[in-house]
Amino acid sequence: YAVEAAVALAVLLATDAAARTRRVRTVLPLVGWVAAT
């Protein structure tokens, strides 16, 4: 349960970061997003 609670918040942060990458023109954001999820 502790790890799941931490992962839920990490998912929120990762989603927020992925939604703010409009100025980056490489595939790195996509790769990082896929790996994190």
Full PDB file with SEQRES, HELIX, SHEET, SSBOND, CRYST1, ORIGX, SCALE, CONECT and MASTER records, all heavy atoms in Angstrom:
SEQRES   1 A   37  TYR ALA VAL GLU ALA ALA VAL ALA LEU ALA VAL LEU LEU          
SEQRES   2 A   37  ALA THR ASP ALA ALA ALA ARG THR ARG ARG VAL ARG THR          
SEQRES   3 A   37  VAL LEU PRO LEU VAL GLY TRP VAL ALA ALA THR                  
HELIX    1 AA1 ALA A    2  ALA A   18  1                                  17    
HELIX    2 AA2 LEU A   28  ALA A   36  1                                   9    
CRYST1    1.000    1.000    1.000  90.00  90.00  90.00 P 1           1          
ORIGX1      1.000000  0.000000  0.000000        0.00000                         
ORIGX2      0.000000  1.000000  0.000000        0.00000                         
ORIGX3      0.000000  0.000000  1.000000        0.00000                         
SCALE1      1.000000  0.000000  0.000000        0.00000                         
SCALE2      0.000000  1.000000  0.000000        0.00000                         
SCALE3      0.000000  0.000000  1.000000        0.00000                         
ATOM      1  N   TYR A   1       0.799  -1.219   0.000  1.00  0.00           N  
ATOM      2  CA  TYR A   1       0.000   0.000   0.000  1.00  0.00           C  
ATOM      3  C   TYR A   1       0.837   1.277   0.000  1.00  0.00           C  
ATOM      4  O   TYR A   1       0.449   2.284  -0.604  1.00  0.00           O  
ATOM      5  CB  TYR A   1      -0.961  -0.001   1.196  1.00  0.00           C  
ATOM      6  CG  TYR A   1      -1.813  -1.240   1.269  1.00  0.00           C  
ATOM      7  CD1 TYR A   1      -1.860  -2.011   2.421  1.00  0.00           C  
ATOM      8  CD2 TYR A   1      -2.556  -1.665   0.162  1.00  0.00           C  
ATOM      9  CE1 TYR A   1      -2.637  -3.166   2.488  1.00  0.00           C  
ATOM     10  CE2 TYR A   1      -3.330  -2.815   0.223  1.00  0.00           C  
ATOM     11  CZ  TYR A   1      -3.360  -3.558   1.389  1.00  0.00           C  
ATOM     12  OH  TYR A   1      -4.110  -4.703   1.440  1.00  0.00           O  
ATOM     13  N   ALA A   2       1.969   1.277   0.674  1.00  0.00           N  
ATOM     14  CA  ALA A   2       2.814   2.474   0.719  1.00  0.00           C  
ATOM     15  C   ALA A   2       3.388   2.788  -0.650  1.00  0.00           C  
ATOM     16  O   ALA A   2       3.380   3.944  -1.097  1.00  0.00           O  
ATOM     17  CB  ALA A   2       3.932   2.289   1.737  1.00  0.00           C  
ATOM     18  N   VAL A   3       3.885   1.772  -1.333  1.00  0.00           N  
ATOM     19  CA  VAL A   3       4.451   1.979  -2.667  1.00  0.00           C  
ATOM     20  C   VAL A   3       3.359   2.414  -3.629  1.00  0.00           C  
ATOM     21  O   VAL A   3       3.572   3.291  -4.482  1.00  0.00           O  
ATOM     22  CB  VAL A   3       5.144   0.699  -3.154  1.00  0.00           C  
ATOM     23  CG1 VAL A   3       5.571   0.823  -4.610  1.00  0.00           C  
ATOM     24  CG2 VAL A   3       6.355   0.398  -2.271  1.00  0.00           C  
ATOM     25  N   GLU A   4       2.173   1.843  -3.515  1.00  0.00           N  
ATOM     26  CA  GLU A   4       1.070   2.237  -4.397  1.00  0.00           C  
ATOM     27  C   GLU A   4       0.683   3.695  -4.175  1.00  0.00           C  
ATOM     28  O   GLU A   4       0.378   4.419  -5.132  1.00  0.00           O  
ATOM     29  CB  GLU A   4      -0.127   1.322  -4.165  1.00  0.00           C  
ATOM     30  CG  GLU A   4       0.114  -0.093  -4.679  1.00  0.00           C  
ATOM     31  CD  GLU A   4      -1.112  -0.970  -4.588  1.00  0.00           C  
ATOM     32  OE1 GLU A   4      -1.990  -0.689  -3.745  1.00  0.00           O  
ATOM     33  OE2 GLU A   4      -1.218  -1.947  -5.360  1.00  0.00           O  
ATOM     34  N   ALA A   5       0.682   4.138  -2.923  1.00  0.00           N  
ATOM     35  CA  ALA A   5       0.361   5.534  -2.636  1.00  0.00           C  
ATOM     36  C   ALA A   5       1.398   6.470  -3.244  1.00  0.00           C  
ATOM     37  O   ALA A   5       1.057   7.539  -3.783  1.00  0.00           O  
ATOM     38  CB  ALA A   5       0.276   5.749  -1.122  1.00  0.00           C  
ATOM     39  N   ALA A   6       2.674   6.082  -3.182  1.00  0.00           N  
ATOM     40  CA  ALA A   6       3.732   6.905  -3.768  1.00  0.00           C  
ATOM     41  C   ALA A   6       3.635   6.925  -5.291  1.00  0.00           C  
ATOM     42  O   ALA A   6       3.802   7.975  -5.926  1.00  0.00           O  
ATOM     43  CB  ALA A   6       5.098   6.376  -3.335  1.00  0.00           C  
ATOM     44  N   VAL A   7       3.351   5.777  -5.885  1.00  0.00           N  
ATOM     45  CA  VAL A   7       3.262   5.689  -7.343  1.00  0.00           C  
ATOM     46  C   VAL A   7       2.101   6.528  -7.867  1.00  0.00           C  
ATOM     47  O   VAL A   7       2.206   7.159  -8.926  1.00  0.00           O  
ATOM     48  CB  VAL A   7       3.125   4.219  -7.786  1.00  0.00           C  
ATOM     49  CG1 VAL A   7       2.771   4.122  -9.270  1.00  0.00           C  
ATOM     50  CG2 VAL A   7       4.419   3.465  -7.514  1.00  0.00           C  
ATOM     51  N   ALA A   8       0.986   6.573  -7.142  1.00  0.00           N  
ATOM     52  CA  ALA A   8      -0.157   7.377  -7.581  1.00  0.00           C  
ATOM     53  C   ALA A   8       0.227   8.847  -7.731  1.00  0.00           C  
ATOM     54  O   ALA A   8      -0.135   9.507  -8.716  1.00  0.00           O  
ATOM     55  CB  ALA A   8      -1.312   7.227  -6.593  1.00  0.00           C  
ATOM     56  N   LEU A   9       0.990   9.371  -6.773  1.00  0.00           N  
ATOM     57  CA  LEU A   9       1.428  10.768  -6.857  1.00  0.00           C  
ATOM     58  C   LEU A   9       2.485  10.950  -7.940  1.00  0.00           C  
ATOM     59  O   LEU A   9       2.494  11.976  -8.642  1.00  0.00           O  
ATOM     60  CB  LEU A   9       1.978  11.218  -5.507  1.00  0.00           C  
ATOM     61  CG  LEU A   9       0.969  11.274  -4.356  1.00  0.00           C  
ATOM     62  CD1 LEU A   9       1.646  11.751  -3.075  1.00  0.00           C  
ATOM     63  CD2 LEU A   9      -0.208  12.177  -4.701  1.00  0.00           C  
ATOM     64  N   ALA A  10       3.373   9.966  -8.083  1.00  0.00           N  
ATOM     65  CA  ALA A  10       4.381  10.045  -9.140  1.00  0.00           C  
ATOM     66  C   ALA A  10       3.722  10.048 -10.517  1.00  0.00           C  
ATOM     67  O   ALA A  10       4.181  10.754 -11.429  1.00  0.00           O  
ATOM     68  CB  ALA A  10       5.357   8.870  -9.018  1.00  0.00           C  
ATOM     69  N   VAL A  11       2.653   9.291 -10.673  1.00  0.00           N  
ATOM     70  CA  VAL A  11       1.907   9.278 -11.943  1.00  0.00           C  
ATOM     71  C   VAL A  11       1.319  10.652 -12.229  1.00  0.00           C  
ATOM     72  O   VAL A  11       1.346  11.132 -13.375  1.00  0.00           O  
ATOM     73  CB  VAL A  11       0.808   8.198 -11.899  1.00  0.00           C  
ATOM     74  CG1 VAL A  11      -0.216   8.412 -13.006  1.00  0.00           C  
ATOM     75  CG2 VAL A  11       1.421   6.814 -12.026  1.00  0.00           C  
ATOM     76  N   LEU A  12       0.784  11.313 -11.204  1.00  0.00           N  
ATOM     77  CA  LEU A  12       0.241  12.661 -11.397  1.00  0.00           C  
ATOM     78  C   LEU A  12       1.324  13.632 -11.850  1.00  0.00           C  
ATOM     79  O   LEU A  12       1.103  14.434 -12.774  1.00  0.00           O  
ATOM     80  CB  LEU A  12      -0.397  13.147 -10.096  1.00  0.00           C  
ATOM     81  CG  LEU A  12      -1.780  12.580  -9.756  1.00  0.00           C  
ATOM     82  CD1 LEU A  12      -2.137  12.865  -8.308  1.00  0.00           C  
ATOM     83  CD2 LEU A  12      -2.842  13.161 -10.690  1.00  0.00           C  
ATOM     84  N   LEU A  13       2.475  13.573 -11.215  1.00  0.00           N  
ATOM     85  CA  LEU A  13       3.574  14.462 -11.612  1.00  0.00           C  
ATOM     86  C   LEU A  13       4.064  14.157 -13.018  1.00  0.00           C  
ATOM     87  O   LEU A  13       4.332  15.070 -13.813  1.00  0.00           O  
ATOM     88  CB  LEU A  13       4.735  14.327 -10.626  1.00  0.00           C  
ATOM     89  CG  LEU A  13       4.725  15.230  -9.398  1.00  0.00           C  
ATOM     90  CD1 LEU A  13       5.923  14.935  -8.519  1.00  0.00           C  
ATOM     91  CD2 LEU A  13       4.699  16.699  -9.786  1.00  0.00           C  
ATOM     92  N   ALA A  14       4.181  12.865 -13.335  1.00  0.00           N  
ATOM     93  CA  ALA A  14       4.647  12.481 -14.670  1.00  0.00           C  
ATOM     94  C   ALA A  14       3.644  12.908 -15.742  1.00  0.00           C  
ATOM     95  O   ALA A  14       4.037  13.364 -16.828  1.00  0.00           O  
ATOM     96  CB  ALA A  14       4.864  10.972 -14.730  1.00  0.00           C  
ATOM     97  N   THR A  15       2.369  12.774 -15.457  1.00  0.00           N  
ATOM     98  CA  THR A  15       1.343  13.198 -16.418  1.00  0.00           C  
ATOM     99  C   THR A  15       1.384  14.697 -16.641  1.00  0.00           C  
ATOM    100  O   THR A  15       1.271  15.188 -17.769  1.00  0.00           O  
ATOM    101  CB  THR A  15      -0.050  12.774 -15.925  1.00  0.00           C  
ATOM    102  OG1 THR A  15      -0.048  11.372 -15.633  1.00  0.00           O  
ATOM    103  CG2 THR A  15      -1.113  13.062 -16.967  1.00  0.00           C  
ATOM    104  N   ASP A  16       1.556  15.441 -15.557  1.00  0.00           N  
ATOM    105  CA  ASP A  16       1.661  16.894 -15.681  1.00  0.00           C  
ATOM    106  C   ASP A  16       2.872  17.276 -16.521  1.00  0.00           C  
ATOM    107  O   ASP A  16       2.793  18.164 -17.385  1.00  0.00           O  
ATOM    108  CB  ASP A  16       1.777  17.509 -14.283  1.00  0.00           C  
ATOM    109  CG  ASP A  16       1.934  19.016 -14.334  1.00  0.00           C  
ATOM    110  OD1 ASP A  16       1.024  19.689 -14.854  1.00  0.00           O  
ATOM    111  OD2 ASP A  16       2.974  19.514 -13.865  1.00  0.00           O  
ATOM    112  N   ALA A  17       4.007  16.594 -16.301  1.00  0.00           N  
ATOM    113  CA  ALA A  17       5.216  16.892 -17.081  1.00  0.00           C  
ATOM    114  C   ALA A  17       5.021  16.539 -18.548  1.00  0.00           C  
ATOM    115  O   ALA A  17       5.426  17.298 -19.448  1.00  0.00           O  
ATOM    116  CB  ALA A  17       6.402  16.115 -16.505  1.00  0.00           C  
ATOM    117  N   ALA A  18       4.377  15.387 -18.816  1.00  0.00           N  
ATOM    118  CA  ALA A  18       4.162  14.976 -20.200  1.00  0.00           C  
ATOM    119  C   ALA A  18       3.218  15.924 -20.937  1.00  0.00           C  
ATOM    120  O   ALA A  18       3.330  16.120 -22.148  1.00  0.00           O  
ATOM    121  CB  ALA A  18       3.601  13.559 -20.237  1.00  0.00           C  
ATOM    122  N   ALA A  19       2.304  16.519 -20.216  1.00  0.00           N  
ATOM    123  CA  ALA A  19       1.349  17.434 -20.844  1.00  0.00           C  
ATOM    124  C   ALA A  19       1.935  18.815 -21.093  1.00  0.00           C  
ATOM    125  O   ALA A  19       1.285  19.661 -21.701  1.00  0.00           O  
ATOM    126  CB  ALA A  19       0.106  17.567 -19.969  1.00  0.00           C  
ATOM    127  N   ARG A  20       3.169  19.052 -20.657  1.00  0.00           N  
ATOM    128  CA  ARG A  20       3.793  20.372 -20.803  1.00  0.00           C  
ATOM    129  C   ARG A  20       5.035  20.320 -21.688  1.00  0.00           C  
ATOM    130  O   ARG A  20       5.925  21.139 -21.560  1.00  0.00           O  
ATOM    131  CB  ARG A  20       4.170  20.934 -19.429  1.00  0.00           C  
ATOM    132  CG  ARG A  20       2.983  21.140 -18.508  1.00  0.00           C  
ATOM    133  CD  ARG A  20       3.429  21.583 -17.123  1.00  0.00           C  
ATOM    134  NE  ARG A  20       2.321  21.708 -16.211  1.00  0.00           N  
ATOM    135  CZ  ARG A  20       1.541  22.778 -16.102  1.00  0.00           C  
ATOM    136  NH1 ARG A  20       1.783  23.839 -16.859  1.00  0.00           N  
ATOM    137  NH2 ARG A  20       0.532  22.814 -15.252  1.00  0.00           N  
ATOM    138  N   THR A  21       5.097  19.401 -22.611  1.00  0.00           N  
ATOM    139  CA  THR A  21       6.306  19.230 -23.433  1.00  0.00           C  
ATOM    140  C   THR A  21       6.130  19.784 -24.837  1.00  0.00           C  
ATOM    141  O   THR A  21       6.836  19.400 -25.757  1.00  0.00           O  
ATOM    142  CB  THR A  21       6.655  17.732 -23.528  1.00  0.00           C  
ATOM    143  OG1 THR A  21       5.539  17.021 -24.087  1.00  0.00           O  
ATOM    144  CG2 THR A  21       6.969  17.162 -22.167  1.00  0.00           C  
ATOM    145  N   ARG A  22       5.192  20.689 -25.035  1.00  0.00           N  
ATOM    146  CA  ARG A  22       4.879  21.145 -26.398  1.00  0.00           C  
ATOM    147  C   ARG A  22       6.046  21.885 -27.067  1.00  0.00           C  
ATOM    148  O   ARG A  22       6.063  22.028 -28.280  1.00  0.00           O  
ATOM    149  CB  ARG A  22       3.642  22.032 -26.381  1.00  0.00           C  
ATOM    150  CG  ARG A  22       3.720  23.217 -25.417  1.00  0.00           C  
ATOM    151  CD  ARG A  22       2.376  23.928 -25.347  1.00  0.00           C  
ATOM    152  NE  ARG A  22       2.372  25.051 -24.423  1.00  0.00           N  
ATOM    153  CZ  ARG A  22       2.135  24.917 -23.125  1.00  0.00           C  
ATOM    154  NH1 ARG A  22       1.955  23.723 -22.613  1.00  0.00           N  
ATOM    155  NH2 ARG A  22       2.132  25.976 -22.333  1.00  0.00           N  
ATOM    156  N   ARG A  23       7.015  22.356 -26.283  1.00  0.00           N  
ATOM    157  CA  ARG A  23       8.130  23.085 -26.886  1.00  0.00           C  
ATOM    158  C   ARG A  23       9.319  22.175 -27.227  1.00  0.00           C  
ATOM    159  O   ARG A  23      10.302  22.618 -27.764  1.00  0.00           O  
ATOM    160  CB  ARG A  23       8.595  24.189 -25.934  1.00  0.00           C  
ATOM    161  CG  ARG A  23       7.530  25.269 -25.707  1.00  0.00           C  
ATOM    162  CD  ARG A  23       8.049  26.338 -24.774  1.00  0.00           C  
ATOM    163  NE  ARG A  23       7.046  27.361 -24.523  1.00  0.00           N  
ATOM    164  CZ  ARG A  23       7.208  28.403 -23.713  1.00  0.00           C  
ATOM    165  NH1 ARG A  23       8.369  28.564 -23.085  1.00  0.00           N  
ATOM    166  NH2 ARG A  23       6.245  29.276 -23.542  1.00  0.00           N  
ATOM    167  N   VAL A  24       9.234  20.896 -26.806  1.00  0.00           N  
ATOM    168  CA  VAL A  24      10.324  19.961 -27.062  1.00  0.00           C  
ATOM    169  C   VAL A  24      10.034  19.209 -28.346  1.00  0.00           C  
ATOM    170  O   VAL A  24       8.962  18.664 -28.524  1.00  0.00           O  
ATOM    171  CB  VAL A  24      10.475  18.974 -25.886  1.00  0.00           C  
ATOM    172  CG1 VAL A  24      11.629  18.023 -26.142  1.00  0.00           C  
ATOM    173  CG2 VAL A  24      10.688  19.740 -24.587  1.00  0.00           C  
ATOM    174  N   ARG A  25      11.004  19.151 -29.254  1.00  0.00           N  
ATOM    175  CA  ARG A  25      10.767  18.560 -30.577  1.00  0.00           C  
ATOM    176  C   ARG A  25      11.582  17.282 -30.778  1.00  0.00           C  
ATOM    177  O   ARG A  25      12.035  16.982 -31.870  1.00  0.00           O  
ATOM    178  CB  ARG A  25      11.106  19.576 -31.673  1.00  0.00           C  
ATOM    179  CG  ARG A  25      10.296  20.858 -31.550  1.00  0.00           C  
ATOM    180  CD  ARG A  25      10.539  21.799 -32.717  1.00  0.00           C  
ATOM    181  NE  ARG A  25       9.751  23.010 -32.588  1.00  0.00           N  
ATOM    182  CZ  ARG A  25       8.477  23.109 -32.932  1.00  0.00           C  
ATOM    183  NH1 ARG A  25       7.856  22.058 -33.438  1.00  0.00           N  
ATOM    184  NH2 ARG A  25       7.820  24.244 -32.789  1.00  0.00           N  
ATOM    185  N   THR A  26      11.780  16.528 -29.725  1.00  0.00           N  
ATOM    186  CA  THR A  26      12.465  15.244 -29.831  1.00  0.00           C  
ATOM    187  C   THR A  26      11.536  14.155 -29.313  1.00  0.00           C  
ATOM    188  O   THR A  26      10.466  14.427 -28.761  1.00  0.00           O  
ATOM    189  CB  THR A  26      13.762  15.246 -29.001  1.00  0.00           C  
ATOM    190  OG1 THR A  26      13.421  15.289 -27.605  1.00  0.00           O  
ATOM    191  CG2 THR A  26      14.627  16.437 -29.362  1.00  0.00           C  
ATOM    192  N   VAL A  27      11.975  12.907 -29.492  1.00  0.00           N  
ATOM    193  CA  VAL A  27      11.162  11.780 -29.032  1.00  0.00           C  
ATOM    194  C   VAL A  27      11.431  11.447 -27.568  1.00  0.00           C  
ATOM    195  O   VAL A  27      10.782  10.561 -27.005  1.00  0.00           O  
ATOM    196  CB  VAL A  27      11.441  10.531 -29.897  1.00  0.00           C  
ATOM    197  CG1 VAL A  27      11.044  10.776 -31.327  1.00  0.00           C  
ATOM    198  CG2 VAL A  27      12.906  10.118 -29.796  1.00  0.00           C  
ATOM    199  N   LEU A  28      12.380  12.146 -26.947  1.00  0.00           N  
ATOM    200  CA  LEU A  28      12.730  11.826 -25.566  1.00  0.00           C  
ATOM    201  C   LEU A  28      11.547  11.948 -24.597  1.00  0.00           C  
ATOM    202  O   LEU A  28      11.379  11.088 -23.727  1.00  0.00           O  
ATOM    203  CB  LEU A  28      13.883  12.725 -25.100  1.00  0.00           C  
ATOM    204  CG  LEU A  28      15.248  12.414 -25.732  1.00  0.00           C  
ATOM    205  CD1 LEU A  28      16.294  13.384 -25.211  1.00  0.00           C  
ATOM    206  CD2 LEU A  28      15.661  10.978 -25.412  1.00  0.00           C  
ATOM    207  N   PRO A  29      10.714  12.995 -24.701  1.00  0.00           N  
ATOM    208  CA  PRO A  29       9.564  13.050 -23.792  1.00  0.00           C  
ATOM    209  C   PRO A  29       8.654  11.840 -23.927  1.00  0.00           C  
ATOM    210  O   PRO A  29       8.165  11.313 -22.922  1.00  0.00           O  
ATOM    211  CB  PRO A  29       8.847  14.339 -24.214  1.00  0.00           C  
ATOM    212  CG  PRO A  29       9.904  15.167 -24.837  1.00  0.00           C  
ATOM    213  CD  PRO A  29      10.797  14.210 -25.539  1.00  0.00           C  
ATOM    214  N   LEU A  30       8.429  11.390 -25.146  1.00  0.00           N  
ATOM    215  CA  LEU A  30       7.572  10.231 -25.359  1.00  0.00           C  
ATOM    216  C   LEU A  30       8.201   8.980 -24.753  1.00  0.00           C  
ATOM    217  O   LEU A  30       7.524   8.187 -24.083  1.00  0.00           O  
ATOM    218  CB  LEU A  30       7.325  10.026 -26.854  1.00  0.00           C  
ATOM    219  CG  LEU A  30       6.462   8.806 -27.222  1.00  0.00           C  
ATOM    220  CD1 LEU A  30       5.085   8.923 -26.593  1.00  0.00           C  
ATOM    221  CD2 LEU A  30       6.357   8.668 -28.742  1.00  0.00           C  
ATOM    222  N   VAL A  31       9.494   8.791 -24.960  1.00  0.00           N  
ATOM    223  CA  VAL A  31      10.187   7.620 -24.410  1.00  0.00           C  
ATOM    224  C   VAL A  31      10.130   7.645 -22.881  1.00  0.00           C  
ATOM    225  O   VAL A  31       9.852   6.630 -22.223  1.00  0.00           O  
ATOM    226  CB  VAL A  31      11.644   7.583 -24.899  1.00  0.00           C  
ATOM    227  CG1 VAL A  31      12.422   6.480 -24.181  1.00  0.00           C  
ATOM    228  CG2 VAL A  31      11.689   7.367 -26.406  1.00  0.00           C  
ATOM    229  N   GLY A  32      10.406   8.803 -22.300  1.00  0.00           N  
ATOM    230  CA  GLY A  32      10.367   8.914 -20.844  1.00  0.00           C  
ATOM    231  C   GLY A  32       8.980   8.660 -20.290  1.00  0.00           C  
ATOM    232  O   GLY A  32       8.820   7.991 -19.261  1.00  0.00           O  
ATOM    233  N   TRP A  33       7.968   9.184 -20.977  1.00  0.00           N  
ATOM    234  CA  TRP A  33       6.583   8.991 -20.551  1.00  0.00           C  
ATOM    235  C   TRP A  33       6.194   7.512 -20.614  1.00  0.00           C  
ATOM    236  O   TRP A  33       5.601   6.972 -19.674  1.00  0.00           O  
ATOM    237  CB  TRP A  33       5.676   9.842 -21.419  1.00  0.00           C  
ATOM    238  CG  TRP A  33       4.199   9.629 -21.280  1.00  0.00           C  
ATOM    239  CD1 TRP A  33       3.331   9.290 -22.261  1.00  0.00           C  
ATOM    240  CD2 TRP A  33       3.404   9.794 -20.106  1.00  0.00           C  
ATOM    241  NE1 TRP A  33       2.053   9.209 -21.779  1.00  0.00           N  
ATOM    242  CE2 TRP A  33       2.069   9.514 -20.452  1.00  0.00           C  
ATOM    243  CE3 TRP A  33       3.691  10.133 -18.786  1.00  0.00           C  
ATOM    244  CZ2 TRP A  33       1.023   9.564 -19.533  1.00  0.00           C  
ATOM    245  CZ3 TRP A  33       2.649  10.173 -17.859  1.00  0.00           C  
ATOM    246  CH2 TRP A  33       1.341   9.894 -18.234  1.00  0.00           C  
ATOM    247  N   VAL A  34       6.539   6.848 -21.682  1.00  0.00           N  
ATOM    248  CA  VAL A  34       6.228   5.422 -21.833  1.00  0.00           C  
ATOM    249  C   VAL A  34       6.935   4.615 -20.740  1.00  0.00           C  
ATOM    250  O   VAL A  34       6.336   3.740 -20.099  1.00  0.00           O  
ATOM    251  CB  VAL A  34       6.624   4.916 -23.229  1.00  0.00           C  
ATOM    252  CG1 VAL A  34       6.523   3.399 -23.293  1.00  0.00           C  
ATOM    253  CG2 VAL A  34       5.745   5.543 -24.293  1.00  0.00           C  
ATOM    254  N   ALA A  35       8.225   4.898 -20.520  1.00  0.00           N  
ATOM    255  CA  ALA A  35       8.989   4.152 -19.516  1.00  0.00           C  
ATOM    256  C   ALA A  35       8.404   4.352 -18.117  1.00  0.00           C  
ATOM    257  O   ALA A  35       8.257   3.394 -17.346  1.00  0.00           O  
ATOM    258  CB  ALA A  35      10.451   4.591 -19.550  1.00  0.00           C  
ATOM    259  N   ALA A  36       8.052   5.601 -17.798  1.00  0.00           N  
ATOM    260  CA  ALA A  36       7.520   5.892 -16.466  1.00  0.00           C  
ATOM    261  C   ALA A  36       6.208   5.166 -16.218  1.00  0.00           C  
ATOM    262  O   ALA A  36       5.984   4.601 -15.136  1.00  0.00           O  
ATOM    263  CB  ALA A  36       7.330   7.406 -16.304  1.00  0.00           C  
ATOM    264  N   THR A  37       5.333   5.160 -17.209  1.00  0.00           N  
ATOM    265  CA  THR A  37       4.029   4.513 -17.033  1.00  0.00           C  
ATOM    266  C   THR A  37       4.157   2.993 -16.968  1.00  0.00           C  
ATOM    267  O   THR A  37       3.425   2.335 -16.220  1.00  0.00           O  
ATOM    268  CB  THR A  37       3.076   4.918 -18.156  1.00  0.00           C  
ATOM    269  OG1 THR A  37       3.685   4.641 -19.429  1.00  0.00           O  
ATOM    270  CG2 THR A  37       2.738   6.400 -18.074  1.00  0.00           C  
TER     271      THR A  37                                                      
MASTER        0    0    0    2    0    0    0    6  270    1    0    3          
END                                                                             
